């Protein structure tokens, strides 16, 4: 059986240090279904990997609840 994976890349504005990046990573990993999160602090890029699609609104609200902004 072929399992498709979901991958979402976003840009997060407002992360200024490794602690910021870690907070974003930990919060996103708590979303049901998220398997891995990669945060690139310098560019603000965040890659989310999961087995199934994750609602973009849930991703955005999770980040915004940490006082960061998702750049569209």
C-alpha atoms as a PDB file:
ATOM      1  CA  UNK A   1       0.000   0.000   0.000  1.00  0.00           C
ATOM      2  CA  UNK A   2       1.391   3.377  -1.024  1.00  0.00           C
ATOM      3  CA  UNK A   3       1.262   5.992   1.721  1.00  0.00           C
ATOM      4  CA  UNK A   4       1.244   9.603   0.591  1.00  0.00           C
ATOM      5  CA  UNK A   5       2.790  12.151   2.854  1.00  0.00           C
ATOM      6  CA  UNK A   6       1.720  15.742   3.353  1.00  0.00           C
ATOM      7  CA  UNK A   7       4.340  18.466   3.249  1.00  0.00           C
ATOM      8  CA  UNK A   8       3.650  22.131   3.942  1.00  0.00           C
ATOM      9  CA  UNK A   9       6.213  24.919   3.871  1.00  0.00           C
ATOM     10  CA  UNK A  10       5.452  28.330   5.356  1.00  0.00           C
ATOM     11  CA  UNK A  11       7.378  31.431   6.377  1.00  0.00           C
ATOM     12  CA  UNK A  12       7.102  32.612   9.968  1.00  0.00           C
ATOM     13  CA  UNK A  13       7.908  36.226  10.829  1.00  0.00           C
ATOM     14  CA  UNK A  14       9.106  37.235  14.285  1.00  0.00           C
ATOM     15  CA  UNK A  15      11.474  34.428  15.223  1.00  0.00           C
ATOM     16  CA  UNK A  16      14.714  36.007  16.404  1.00  0.00           C
ATOM     17  CA  UNK A  17      16.540  33.253  18.292  1.00  0.00           C
ATOM     18  CA  UNK A  18      16.825  29.504  18.714  1.00  0.00           C
ATOM     19  CA  UNK A  19      14.283  29.576  21.553  1.00  0.00           C
ATOM     20  CA  UNK A  20      11.741  31.155  19.189  1.00  0.00           C
ATOM     21  CA  UNK A  21      12.380  28.428  16.633  1.00  0.00           C
ATOM     22  CA  UNK A  22      12.080  25.739  19.307  1.00  0.00           C
ATOM     23  CA  UNK A  23       8.733  27.133  20.536  1.00  0.00           C
ATOM     24  CA  UNK A  24       7.335  27.054  16.999  1.00  0.00           C
ATOM     25  CA  UNK A  25       8.637  23.527  16.423  1.00  0.00           C
ATOM     26  CA  UNK A  26       7.230  22.183  19.698  1.00  0.00           C
ATOM     27  CA  UNK A  27       3.821  23.810  19.184  1.00  0.00           C
ATOM     28  CA  UNK A  28       3.455  22.451  15.649  1.00  0.00           C
ATOM     29  CA  UNK A  29       4.483  18.943  16.741  1.00  0.00           C
ATOM     30  CA  UNK A  30       1.495  18.933  19.114  1.00  0.00           C
ATOM     31  CA  UNK A  31      -0.928  19.119  16.173  1.00  0.00           C
ATOM     32  CA  UNK A  32      -2.474  15.695  15.617  1.00  0.00           C
ATOM     33  CA  UNK A  33      -0.845  13.940  12.683  1.00  0.00           C
ATOM     34  CA  UNK A  34       2.311  16.058  12.473  1.00  0.00           C
ATOM     35  CA  UNK A  35       5.342  13.773  12.256  1.00  0.00           C
ATOM     36  CA  UNK A  36       8.256  16.191  11.789  1.00  0.00           C
ATOM     37  CA  UNK A  37       8.865  19.923  11.831  1.00  0.00           C
ATOM     38  CA  UNK A  38      11.965  21.629  10.457  1.00  0.00           C
ATOM     39  CA  UNK A  39      12.585  25.288  11.339  1.00  0.00           C
ATOM     40  CA  UNK A  40      15.185  27.396   9.530  1.00  0.00           C
ATOM     41  CA  UNK A  41      15.686  30.401  11.782  1.00  0.00           C
ATOM     42  CA  UNK A  42      17.589  32.626   9.349  1.00  0.00           C
ATOM     43  CA  UNK A  43      14.961  32.514   6.594  1.00  0.00           C
ATOM     44  CA  UNK A  44      11.947  31.878   8.816  1.00  0.00           C
ATOM     45  CA  UNK A  45      11.029  28.842   6.715  1.00  0.00           C
ATOM     46  CA  UNK A  46       9.136  26.097   8.490  1.00  0.00           C
ATOM     47  CA  UNK A  47       8.488  22.710   6.889  1.00  0.00           C
ATOM     48  CA  UNK A  48       5.787  20.478   8.326  1.00  0.00           C
ATOM     49  CA  UNK A  49       5.576  16.790   7.460  1.00  0.00           C
ATOM     50  CA  UNK A  50       2.619  14.573   8.240  1.00  0.00           C
ATOM     51  CA  UNK A  51       0.928  11.458   6.959  1.00  0.00           C
ATOM     52  CA  UNK A  52      -2.266  13.332   6.028  1.00  0.00           C
ATOM     53  CA  UNK A  53      -3.152  16.920   5.171  1.00  0.00           C
ATOM     54  CA  UNK A  54      -3.226  19.367   8.073  1.00  0.00           C
ATOM     55  CA  UNK A  55      -5.695  22.244   8.047  1.00  0.00           C
ATOM     56  CA  UNK A  56      -3.826  25.444   7.147  1.00  0.00           C
ATOM     57  CA  UNK A  57      -6.017  27.463   9.515  1.00  0.00           C
ATOM     58  CA  UNK A  58      -4.917  25.234  12.408  1.00  0.00           C
ATOM     59  CA  UNK A  59      -1.247  25.669  11.468  1.00  0.00           C
ATOM     60  CA  UNK A  60      -1.615  29.454  11.228  1.00  0.00           C
ATOM     61  CA  UNK A  61      -3.539  29.813  14.483  1.00  0.00           C
ATOM     62  CA  UNK A  62      -1.008  27.642  16.321  1.00  0.00           C
ATOM     63  CA  UNK A  63       1.801  29.969  15.222  1.00  0.00           C
ATOM     64  CA  UNK A  64      -0.195  33.150  15.820  1.00  0.00           C
ATOM     65  CA  UNK A  65      -1.028  31.980  19.368  1.00  0.00           C
ATOM     66  CA  UNK A  66       2.736  32.138  19.994  1.00  0.00           C
ATOM     67  CA  UNK A  67       2.737  35.807  18.845  1.00  0.00           C
ATOM     68  CA  UNK A  68       4.421  35.108  15.490  1.00  0.00           C
ATOM     69  CA  UNK A  69       3.031  35.859  12.050  1.00  0.00           C
ATOM     70  CA  UNK A  70       2.629  33.551   9.068  1.00  0.00           C
ATOM     71  CA  UNK A  71       3.713  35.351   5.903  1.00  0.00           C
ATOM     72  CA  UNK A  72       1.440  34.679   2.937  1.00  0.00           C
END
